[in-house]
């Protein structure tokens, strides 16, 4: 994520826990490769703090336009939420400014519904790319988003964190 000598600036936006777990794991693993600015609201905030990523957090909820002007991002990575439409606002602003966008889907259900389907114009909520964490999710996404969007298989680093924690707990027992 380095362009020439400059680190790319990546804004992440999360509200719900599922997306926050995956995106915070991604941030933690790639923190040396990019400058991350993280907006974590609701349950997501506690997750970023638990993972000691508090220094990357924006302290308040700001309007997307203000955040983009202040940090001039090269890339936007978000989760999806049922309880909040904050991710849609940021995707729309990024697209308006020509900033590359990706949404990481954290589950295997309701793929189109996460973007507002079946409401008219739901496609406007789609990013440039959808990231999924396994081959099953990728196959499902291919069926749901036929020709609409670029799909990318990106390792789910949260699963990797959980496996490591389990191994450490198991080793401590013996």
N, C-alpha and C. Protein backbone atom coordinates (compact mmCIF):
# COMPACT_ATOMS: atom_id res chain seq x y z
N UNK A 1 0.80 -1.20 0.00
CA UNK A 1 0.00 0.00 0.00
C UNK A 1 0.84 1.26 0.00
N UNK A 2 2.03 1.14 -0.54
CA UNK A 2 2.90 2.30 -0.63
C UNK A 2 2.96 2.74 -2.09
N UNK A 3 2.71 4.02 -2.32
CA UNK A 3 2.77 4.59 -3.66
C UNK A 3 4.05 5.41 -3.71
N UNK A 4 5.01 4.99 -4.52
CA UNK A 4 6.31 5.67 -4.52
C UNK A 4 6.90 5.61 -3.12
N UNK A 5 7.19 6.76 -2.54
CA UNK A 5 7.71 6.82 -1.17
C UNK A 5 6.62 7.14 -0.16
N UNK A 6 5.41 7.37 -0.64
CA UNK A 6 4.31 7.80 0.22
C UNK A 6 3.40 6.63 0.58
N UNK A 7 3.10 6.51 1.86
CA UNK A 7 2.11 5.51 2.29
C UNK A 7 0.73 5.97 1.85
N UNK A 8 -0.07 5.04 1.38
CA UNK A 8 -1.46 5.35 1.05
C UNK A 8 -2.23 5.66 2.32
N UNK A 9 -3.16 6.56 2.22
CA UNK A 9 -4.05 6.86 3.34
C UNK A 9 -5.34 6.08 3.12
N UNK A 10 -5.70 5.29 4.11
CA UNK A 10 -6.89 4.45 4.05
C UNK A 10 -7.83 4.86 5.17
N UNK A 11 -9.04 5.21 4.81
CA UNK A 11 -10.07 5.47 5.82
C UNK A 11 -10.88 4.19 5.96
N UNK A 12 -11.10 3.77 7.20
CA UNK A 12 -11.99 2.64 7.46
C UNK A 12 -13.20 3.15 8.22
N UNK A 13 -14.36 2.57 7.92
CA UNK A 13 -15.60 2.95 8.60
C UNK A 13 -16.32 1.68 9.01
N UNK A 14 -16.61 1.58 10.31
CA UNK A 14 -17.31 0.41 10.84
C UNK A 14 -18.31 0.84 11.90
N UNK A 15 -19.40 0.12 11.97
CA UNK A 15 -20.36 0.29 13.05
C UNK A 15 -20.60 -1.04 13.76
N UNK A 16 -21.01 -2.06 13.00
CA UNK A 16 -21.37 -3.34 13.60
C UNK A 16 -20.14 -4.18 13.92
N UNK A 17 -20.31 -5.10 14.85
CA UNK A 17 -19.18 -5.88 15.38
C UNK A 17 -18.53 -6.79 14.34
N UNK A 18 -19.32 -7.46 13.50
CA UNK A 18 -18.75 -8.41 12.54
C UNK A 18 -17.74 -7.76 11.61
N UNK A 19 -18.13 -6.68 10.98
CA UNK A 19 -17.22 -5.97 10.10
C UNK A 19 -16.05 -5.37 10.85
N UNK A 20 -16.30 -4.89 12.05
CA UNK A 20 -15.23 -4.28 12.85
C UNK A 20 -14.16 -5.29 13.23
N UNK A 21 -14.56 -6.51 13.56
CA UNK A 21 -13.56 -7.53 13.90
C UNK A 21 -12.64 -7.80 12.72
N UNK A 22 -13.22 -7.95 11.54
CA UNK A 22 -12.42 -8.25 10.35
C UNK A 22 -11.57 -7.06 9.94
N UNK A 23 -12.17 -5.89 9.89
CA UNK A 23 -11.43 -4.71 9.43
C UNK A 23 -10.35 -4.30 10.43
N UNK A 24 -10.63 -4.40 11.72
CA UNK A 24 -9.59 -4.07 12.71
C UNK A 24 -8.42 -5.05 12.61
N UNK A 25 -8.70 -6.31 12.34
CA UNK A 25 -7.62 -7.29 12.14
C UNK A 25 -6.80 -6.94 10.90
N UNK A 26 -7.48 -6.49 9.85
CA UNK A 26 -6.80 -6.07 8.63
C UNK A 26 -5.91 -4.86 8.90
N UNK A 27 -6.46 -3.89 9.63
CA UNK A 27 -5.70 -2.68 9.98
C UNK A 27 -4.46 -3.05 10.79
N UNK A 28 -4.65 -3.88 11.79
CA UNK A 28 -3.54 -4.28 12.67
C UNK A 28 -2.43 -4.96 11.86
N UNK A 29 -2.79 -5.82 10.94
CA UNK A 29 -1.80 -6.55 10.14
C UNK A 29 -1.11 -5.67 9.09
N UNK A 30 -1.77 -4.61 8.66
CA UNK A 30 -1.24 -3.77 7.58
C UNK A 30 -0.87 -2.36 8.02
N UNK A 31 -0.83 -2.11 9.30
CA UNK A 31 -0.60 -0.77 9.83
C UNK A 31 0.74 -0.17 9.39
N UNK A 32 1.73 -0.98 9.15
CA UNK A 32 3.03 -0.45 8.72
C UNK A 32 3.05 -0.14 7.21
N UNK A 33 2.06 -0.62 6.49
CA UNK A 33 2.05 -0.46 5.03
C UNK A 33 1.20 0.71 4.55
N UNK A 34 0.37 1.26 5.43
CA UNK A 34 -0.52 2.36 5.05
C UNK A 34 -0.78 3.24 6.26
N UNK A 35 -1.26 4.44 5.99
CA UNK A 35 -1.70 5.32 7.07
C UNK A 35 -3.20 5.10 7.21
N UNK A 36 -3.61 4.52 8.33
CA UNK A 36 -5.02 4.24 8.55
C UNK A 36 -5.65 5.32 9.42
N UNK A 37 -6.84 5.73 9.01
CA UNK A 37 -7.68 6.63 9.79
C UNK A 37 -8.99 5.88 9.97
N UNK A 38 -9.37 5.60 11.21
CA UNK A 38 -10.49 4.70 11.47
C UNK A 38 -11.64 5.41 12.16
N UNK A 39 -12.80 5.32 11.54
CA UNK A 39 -14.03 5.79 12.16
C UNK A 39 -14.77 4.54 12.62
N UNK A 40 -14.87 4.39 13.92
CA UNK A 40 -15.53 3.21 14.50
C UNK A 40 -16.61 3.70 15.45
N UNK A 41 -17.84 3.41 15.11
CA UNK A 41 -18.98 3.85 15.91
C UNK A 41 -19.70 2.64 16.49
N UNK A 42 -20.55 2.88 17.48
CA UNK A 42 -21.33 1.79 18.06
C UNK A 42 -20.42 0.69 18.59
N UNK A 43 -20.81 -0.58 18.40
CA UNK A 43 -20.02 -1.71 18.90
C UNK A 43 -18.59 -1.75 18.34
N UNK A 44 -18.39 -1.19 17.17
CA UNK A 44 -17.07 -1.23 16.53
C UNK A 44 -16.01 -0.50 17.35
N UNK A 45 -16.40 0.57 18.01
CA UNK A 45 -15.43 1.37 18.77
C UNK A 45 -14.71 0.53 19.83
N UNK A 46 -15.47 -0.25 20.59
CA UNK A 46 -14.88 -1.09 21.64
C UNK A 46 -13.91 -2.11 21.05
N UNK A 47 -14.23 -2.61 19.88
CA UNK A 47 -13.37 -3.61 19.23
C UNK A 47 -12.03 -2.99 18.85
N UNK A 48 -12.05 -1.81 18.25
CA UNK A 48 -10.80 -1.14 17.88
C UNK A 48 -9.98 -0.80 19.12
N UNK A 49 -10.64 -0.38 20.19
CA UNK A 49 -9.93 -0.07 21.43
C UNK A 49 -9.34 -1.33 22.05
N UNK A 50 -10.10 -2.42 22.06
CA UNK A 50 -9.61 -3.68 22.61
C UNK A 50 -8.35 -4.16 21.90
N UNK A 51 -8.28 -3.89 20.60
CA UNK A 51 -7.13 -4.33 19.81
C UNK A 51 -6.00 -3.30 19.82
N UNK A 52 -6.11 -2.33 20.72
CA UNK A 52 -5.09 -1.30 20.89
C UNK A 52 -4.86 -0.49 19.60
N UNK A 53 -5.95 -0.16 18.94
CA UNK A 53 -5.90 0.66 17.74
C UNK A 53 -6.50 2.04 17.99
N UNK A 54 -6.62 2.40 19.25
CA UNK A 54 -7.25 3.67 19.63
C UNK A 54 -6.56 4.89 19.06
N UNK A 55 -5.23 4.82 18.88
CA UNK A 55 -4.51 5.97 18.34
C UNK A 55 -4.85 6.24 16.87
N UNK A 56 -5.48 5.29 16.21
CA UNK A 56 -5.89 5.48 14.81
C UNK A 56 -7.33 5.97 14.69
N UNK A 57 -8.05 5.99 15.82
CA UNK A 57 -9.47 6.34 15.79
C UNK A 57 -9.70 7.84 15.70
N UNK A 58 -10.68 8.21 14.92
CA UNK A 58 -11.19 9.57 14.92
C UNK A 58 -12.07 9.65 16.15
N UNK A 59 -11.90 10.67 16.95
CA UNK A 59 -12.56 10.70 18.26
C UNK A 59 -14.07 10.96 18.20
N UNK A 60 -14.55 11.57 17.14
CA UNK A 60 -15.98 11.90 17.05
C UNK A 60 -16.53 11.50 15.69
N UNK A 61 -17.85 11.46 15.63
CA UNK A 61 -18.52 11.19 14.35
C UNK A 61 -18.53 12.50 13.55
N UNK A 62 -17.82 12.50 12.45
CA UNK A 62 -17.77 13.66 11.59
C UNK A 62 -18.48 13.36 10.28
N UNK A 63 -18.90 14.40 9.61
CA UNK A 63 -19.50 14.29 8.30
C UNK A 63 -18.45 13.73 7.32
N UNK A 64 -18.87 12.88 6.42
CA UNK A 64 -17.95 12.25 5.46
C UNK A 64 -17.16 13.29 4.67
N UNK A 65 -17.82 14.34 4.25
CA UNK A 65 -17.15 15.37 3.45
C UNK A 65 -15.99 16.00 4.22
N UNK A 66 -16.19 16.26 5.49
CA UNK A 66 -15.14 16.86 6.33
C UNK A 66 -13.96 15.90 6.47
N UNK A 67 -14.25 14.63 6.73
CA UNK A 67 -13.19 13.63 6.90
C UNK A 67 -12.36 13.49 5.62
N UNK A 68 -13.02 13.45 4.48
CA UNK A 68 -12.30 13.30 3.22
C UNK A 68 -11.43 14.52 2.93
N UNK A 69 -11.93 15.72 3.24
CA UNK A 69 -11.13 16.93 3.04
C UNK A 69 -9.92 16.96 3.96
N UNK A 70 -10.10 16.52 5.19
CA UNK A 70 -9.02 16.57 6.17
C UNK A 70 -7.92 15.55 5.88
N UNK A 71 -8.29 14.32 5.54
CA UNK A 71 -7.31 13.24 5.43
C UNK A 71 -6.91 12.87 4.00
N UNK A 72 -7.63 13.35 3.00
CA UNK A 72 -7.33 13.10 1.59
C UNK A 72 -6.97 11.63 1.32
N UNK A 73 -7.93 10.73 1.55
CA UNK A 73 -7.63 9.30 1.43
C UNK A 73 -7.44 8.84 -0.01
N UNK A 74 -6.68 7.75 -0.12
CA UNK A 74 -6.51 7.07 -1.40
C UNK A 74 -7.49 5.91 -1.53
N UNK A 75 -8.02 5.46 -0.39
CA UNK A 75 -8.82 4.24 -0.36
C UNK A 75 -9.78 4.29 0.82
N UNK A 76 -10.97 3.73 0.63
CA UNK A 76 -11.97 3.60 1.70
C UNK A 76 -12.32 2.13 1.84
N UNK A 77 -12.26 1.63 3.06
CA UNK A 77 -12.64 0.25 3.37
C UNK A 77 -13.68 0.28 4.48
N UNK A 78 -14.84 -0.34 4.23
CA UNK A 78 -15.90 -0.34 5.24
C UNK A 78 -16.44 -1.75 5.45
N UNK A 79 -17.19 -1.89 6.53
CA UNK A 79 -18.00 -3.07 6.74
C UNK A 79 -19.41 -2.74 6.27
N UNK A 80 -20.37 -3.53 6.70
CA UNK A 80 -21.78 -3.22 6.45
C UNK A 80 -22.51 -3.29 7.79
N UNK A 81 -23.62 -2.58 7.88
CA UNK A 81 -24.37 -2.53 9.14
C UNK A 81 -25.85 -2.66 8.89
N UNK A 82 -26.53 -3.26 9.84
CA UNK A 82 -27.99 -3.26 9.84
C UNK A 82 -28.49 -2.03 10.59
N UNK A 83 -27.79 -1.62 11.61
CA UNK A 83 -28.27 -0.57 12.51
C UNK A 83 -27.86 0.83 12.08
N UNK A 84 -27.00 0.95 11.10
CA UNK A 84 -26.46 2.25 10.75
C UNK A 84 -26.24 2.34 9.24
N UNK A 85 -26.47 3.50 8.69
CA UNK A 85 -26.21 3.72 7.27
C UNK A 85 -24.93 4.50 7.04
N UNK A 86 -24.09 4.60 8.06
CA UNK A 86 -22.89 5.43 7.97
C UNK A 86 -21.96 4.99 6.83
N UNK A 87 -21.86 3.69 6.62
CA UNK A 87 -20.97 3.19 5.57
C UNK A 87 -21.42 3.67 4.19
N UNK A 88 -22.74 3.67 3.94
CA UNK A 88 -23.26 4.15 2.65
C UNK A 88 -22.85 5.59 2.40
N UNK A 89 -22.94 6.43 3.44
CA UNK A 89 -22.59 7.85 3.29
C UNK A 89 -21.13 8.00 2.87
N UNK A 90 -20.27 7.21 3.47
CA UNK A 90 -18.85 7.30 3.15
C UNK A 90 -18.55 6.73 1.77
N UNK A 91 -19.20 5.66 1.39
CA UNK A 91 -18.99 5.11 0.04
C UNK A 91 -19.43 6.13 -1.01
N UNK A 92 -20.58 6.75 -0.80
CA UNK A 92 -21.08 7.75 -1.76
C UNK A 92 -20.11 8.92 -1.87
N UNK A 93 -19.61 9.41 -0.74
CA UNK A 93 -18.66 10.53 -0.76
C UNK A 93 -17.36 10.13 -1.46
N UNK A 94 -16.87 8.94 -1.17
CA UNK A 94 -15.63 8.47 -1.80
C UNK A 94 -15.80 8.39 -3.32
N UNK A 95 -16.91 7.82 -3.76
CA UNK A 95 -17.16 7.69 -5.20
C UNK A 95 -17.25 9.07 -5.85
N UNK A 96 -17.89 10.00 -5.16
CA UNK A 96 -18.03 11.37 -5.66
C UNK A 96 -16.65 12.01 -5.87
N UNK A 97 -15.70 11.68 -4.99
CA UNK A 97 -14.36 12.27 -5.05
C UNK A 97 -13.36 11.42 -5.84
N UNK A 98 -13.80 10.28 -6.36
CA UNK A 98 -12.90 9.42 -7.12
C UNK A 98 -11.96 8.59 -6.26
N UNK A 99 -12.33 8.37 -5.00
CA UNK A 99 -11.53 7.55 -4.09
C UNK A 99 -11.99 6.10 -4.24
N UNK A 100 -11.04 5.21 -4.40
CA UNK A 100 -11.35 3.79 -4.56
C UNK A 100 -12.06 3.27 -3.30
N UNK A 101 -13.06 2.39 -3.49
CA UNK A 101 -13.87 1.90 -2.37
C UNK A 101 -13.95 0.38 -2.36
N UNK A 102 -13.98 -0.17 -1.15
CA UNK A 102 -14.21 -1.60 -0.97
C UNK A 102 -15.02 -1.81 0.30
N UNK A 103 -15.89 -2.80 0.26
CA UNK A 103 -16.66 -3.21 1.44
C UNK A 103 -16.33 -4.67 1.70
N UNK A 104 -15.98 -4.97 2.95
CA UNK A 104 -15.69 -6.35 3.34
C UNK A 104 -16.97 -6.94 3.92
N UNK A 105 -17.49 -7.99 3.28
CA UNK A 105 -18.69 -8.67 3.78
C UNK A 105 -18.27 -9.69 4.83
N UNK A 106 -18.86 -9.58 6.00
CA UNK A 106 -18.42 -10.37 7.15
C UNK A 106 -19.27 -11.61 7.39
N UNK A 107 -20.20 -11.91 6.49
CA UNK A 107 -21.10 -13.03 6.73
C UNK A 107 -21.48 -13.65 5.40
N UNK A 108 -22.26 -14.71 5.43
CA UNK A 108 -22.62 -15.46 4.22
C UNK A 108 -24.09 -15.28 3.85
N UNK A 109 -24.74 -14.29 4.39
CA UNK A 109 -26.16 -14.10 4.09
C UNK A 109 -26.46 -12.64 3.75
N UNK A 110 -27.60 -12.45 3.09
CA UNK A 110 -28.15 -11.12 2.81
C UNK A 110 -27.16 -10.20 2.09
N UNK A 111 -26.46 -10.72 1.12
CA UNK A 111 -25.44 -9.92 0.45
C UNK A 111 -26.00 -8.65 -0.19
N UNK A 112 -27.00 -8.79 -1.03
CA UNK A 112 -27.55 -7.59 -1.69
C UNK A 112 -28.31 -6.72 -0.70
N UNK A 113 -28.99 -7.36 0.25
CA UNK A 113 -29.77 -6.61 1.24
C UNK A 113 -28.89 -5.68 2.07
N UNK A 114 -27.64 -6.02 2.25
CA UNK A 114 -26.71 -5.17 3.00
C UNK A 114 -26.49 -3.83 2.30
N UNK A 115 -26.84 -3.76 1.02
CA UNK A 115 -26.67 -2.53 0.25
C UNK A 115 -28.01 -1.87 -0.08
N UNK A 116 -29.09 -2.34 0.55
CA UNK A 116 -30.39 -1.71 0.38
C UNK A 116 -31.36 -2.42 -0.54
N UNK A 117 -30.97 -3.53 -1.15
CA UNK A 117 -31.86 -4.30 -2.01
C UNK A 117 -33.06 -4.76 -1.18
N UNK A 118 -34.27 -4.71 -1.67
CA UNK A 118 -34.73 -4.49 -3.05
C UNK A 118 -35.15 -3.05 -3.35
N UNK A 119 -34.79 -2.11 -2.49
CA UNK A 119 -35.17 -0.72 -2.75
C UNK A 119 -34.60 -0.22 -4.08
N UNK A 120 -35.36 0.62 -4.72
CA UNK A 120 -34.94 1.22 -5.98
C UNK A 120 -33.64 2.00 -5.76
N UNK A 121 -32.67 1.81 -6.62
CA UNK A 121 -31.40 2.52 -6.52
C UNK A 121 -30.39 1.91 -5.57
N UNK A 122 -30.66 0.70 -5.08
CA UNK A 122 -29.75 0.07 -4.12
C UNK A 122 -28.34 -0.08 -4.68
N UNK A 123 -28.23 -0.20 -6.00
CA UNK A 123 -26.91 -0.36 -6.63
C UNK A 123 -26.01 0.84 -6.38
N UNK A 124 -26.62 2.01 -6.11
CA UNK A 124 -25.83 3.21 -5.83
C UNK A 124 -25.03 3.08 -4.54
N UNK A 125 -25.41 2.16 -3.68
CA UNK A 125 -24.70 1.94 -2.42
C UNK A 125 -23.50 1.00 -2.57
N UNK A 126 -23.36 0.40 -3.76
CA UNK A 126 -22.26 -0.55 -3.98
C UNK A 126 -20.93 0.17 -4.10
N UNK A 127 -19.88 -0.40 -3.53
CA UNK A 127 -18.53 0.14 -3.72
C UNK A 127 -17.97 -0.35 -5.05
N UNK A 128 -16.72 -0.01 -5.32
CA UNK A 128 -16.07 -0.54 -6.53
C UNK A 128 -15.74 -2.01 -6.39
N UNK A 129 -15.40 -2.43 -5.16
CA UNK A 129 -15.04 -3.82 -4.90
C UNK A 129 -15.77 -4.33 -3.68
N UNK A 130 -16.07 -5.62 -3.71
CA UNK A 130 -16.56 -6.31 -2.51
C UNK A 130 -15.51 -7.35 -2.16
N UNK A 131 -15.11 -7.33 -0.89
CA UNK A 131 -14.15 -8.30 -0.38
C UNK A 131 -14.89 -9.35 0.42
N UNK A 132 -14.47 -10.59 0.25
CA UNK A 132 -15.01 -11.71 1.04
C UNK A 132 -13.84 -12.54 1.54
N UNK A 133 -14.08 -13.34 2.57
CA UNK A 133 -12.99 -14.02 3.25
C UNK A 133 -12.77 -15.48 2.94
N UNK A 134 -13.63 -16.09 2.12
CA UNK A 134 -13.42 -17.51 1.80
C UNK A 134 -14.05 -17.84 0.45
N UNK A 135 -13.72 -19.03 -0.05
CA UNK A 135 -14.17 -19.41 -1.40
C UNK A 135 -15.69 -19.58 -1.47
N UNK A 136 -16.32 -19.96 -0.37
CA UNK A 136 -17.78 -20.11 -0.35
C UNK A 136 -18.46 -18.75 -0.47
N UNK A 137 -17.93 -17.79 0.25
CA UNK A 137 -18.46 -16.43 0.17
C UNK A 137 -18.25 -15.85 -1.22
N UNK A 138 -17.12 -16.15 -1.83
CA UNK A 138 -16.84 -15.65 -3.17
C UNK A 138 -17.83 -16.23 -4.18
N UNK A 139 -18.10 -17.52 -4.10
CA UNK A 139 -19.06 -18.15 -5.01
C UNK A 139 -20.46 -17.55 -4.83
N UNK A 140 -20.85 -17.34 -3.59
CA UNK A 140 -22.15 -16.73 -3.31
C UNK A 140 -22.21 -15.32 -3.87
N UNK A 141 -21.16 -14.55 -3.66
CA UNK A 141 -21.12 -13.18 -4.16
C UNK A 141 -21.19 -13.15 -5.69
N UNK A 142 -20.54 -14.10 -6.34
CA UNK A 142 -20.60 -14.17 -7.81
C UNK A 142 -22.03 -14.37 -8.28
N UNK A 143 -22.80 -15.16 -7.56
CA UNK A 143 -24.21 -15.40 -7.94
C UNK A 143 -25.08 -14.18 -7.65
N UNK A 144 -24.78 -13.47 -6.58
CA UNK A 144 -25.62 -12.35 -6.17
C UNK A 144 -25.32 -11.06 -6.93
N UNK A 145 -24.08 -10.88 -7.35
CA UNK A 145 -23.67 -9.62 -7.98
C UNK A 145 -23.18 -9.85 -9.41
N UNK A 146 -23.89 -10.64 -10.17
CA UNK A 146 -23.49 -11.01 -11.53
C UNK A 146 -23.17 -9.76 -12.35
N UNK A 147 -21.89 -9.60 -12.67
CA UNK A 147 -21.45 -8.51 -13.54
C UNK A 147 -21.57 -7.11 -12.98
N UNK A 148 -22.01 -6.95 -11.75
CA UNK A 148 -22.23 -5.61 -11.19
C UNK A 148 -20.97 -4.99 -10.59
N UNK A 149 -20.04 -5.83 -10.13
CA UNK A 149 -18.98 -5.31 -9.28
C UNK A 149 -17.78 -6.25 -9.27
N UNK A 150 -16.61 -5.70 -8.98
CA UNK A 150 -15.41 -6.52 -8.84
C UNK A 150 -15.44 -7.20 -7.48
N UNK A 151 -15.18 -8.51 -7.48
CA UNK A 151 -15.16 -9.29 -6.24
C UNK A 151 -13.73 -9.73 -5.97
N UNK A 152 -13.36 -9.69 -4.70
CA UNK A 152 -11.99 -10.05 -4.33
C UNK A 152 -11.99 -10.94 -3.10
N UNK A 153 -11.22 -12.01 -3.17
CA UNK A 153 -11.02 -12.89 -2.03
C UNK A 153 -9.84 -12.34 -1.23
N UNK A 154 -10.12 -11.86 -0.02
CA UNK A 154 -9.11 -11.28 0.86
C UNK A 154 -9.15 -12.07 2.16
N UNK A 155 -8.01 -12.59 2.56
CA UNK A 155 -7.96 -13.42 3.76
C UNK A 155 -8.64 -12.73 4.95
N UNK A 156 -9.47 -13.50 5.65
CA UNK A 156 -10.14 -13.00 6.85
C UNK A 156 -9.14 -13.10 8.00
N UNK A 157 -8.49 -11.99 8.30
CA UNK A 157 -7.45 -11.97 9.32
C UNK A 157 -8.01 -12.09 10.73
N UNK A 158 -9.28 -11.83 10.89
CA UNK A 158 -9.91 -12.05 12.20
C UNK A 158 -9.91 -13.54 12.53
N UNK A 159 -10.25 -14.37 11.55
CA UNK A 159 -10.21 -15.82 11.77
C UNK A 159 -8.79 -16.25 12.16
N UNK A 160 -7.81 -15.65 11.52
CA UNK A 160 -6.42 -15.96 11.84
C UNK A 160 -6.10 -15.57 13.30
N UNK A 161 -6.59 -14.42 13.73
CA UNK A 161 -6.40 -13.98 15.13
C UNK A 161 -7.03 -14.97 16.11
N UNK A 162 -8.25 -15.40 15.79
CA UNK A 162 -8.97 -16.32 16.68
C UNK A 162 -8.22 -17.65 16.77
N UNK A 163 -7.75 -18.15 15.63
CA UNK A 163 -6.98 -19.41 15.64
C UNK A 163 -5.72 -19.28 16.49
N UNK A 164 -5.05 -18.15 16.38
CA UNK A 164 -3.83 -17.92 17.16
C UNK A 164 -4.15 -17.87 18.66
N UNK A 165 -5.23 -17.19 19.02
CA UNK A 165 -5.64 -17.12 20.43
C UNK A 165 -5.97 -18.51 20.96
N UNK A 166 -6.64 -19.31 20.16
CA UNK A 166 -6.99 -20.66 20.57
C UNK A 166 -5.73 -21.50 20.79
N UNK A 167 -4.80 -21.42 19.84
CA UNK A 167 -3.54 -22.16 19.99
C UNK A 167 -2.81 -21.74 21.26
N UNK A 168 -2.77 -20.44 21.54
CA UNK A 168 -2.10 -19.95 22.74
C UNK A 168 -2.78 -20.46 24.01
N UNK A 169 -4.10 -20.49 24.01
CA UNK A 169 -4.83 -21.01 25.17
C UNK A 169 -4.57 -22.50 25.35
N UNK A 170 -4.56 -23.22 24.25
CA UNK A 170 -4.31 -24.66 24.29
C UNK A 170 -2.91 -24.96 24.81
N UNK A 171 -1.93 -24.18 24.36
CA UNK A 171 -0.55 -24.38 24.80
C UNK A 171 -0.39 -24.09 26.29
N UNK A 172 -1.12 -23.11 26.79
CA UNK A 172 -1.04 -22.76 28.22
C UNK A 172 -1.56 -23.88 29.11
N UNK A 173 -2.51 -24.65 28.60
CA UNK A 173 -3.08 -25.75 29.38
C UNK A 173 -2.06 -26.85 29.63
N UNK A 174 -1.14 -27.03 28.69
CA UNK A 174 -0.22 -28.18 28.79
C UNK A 174 1.15 -27.74 29.15
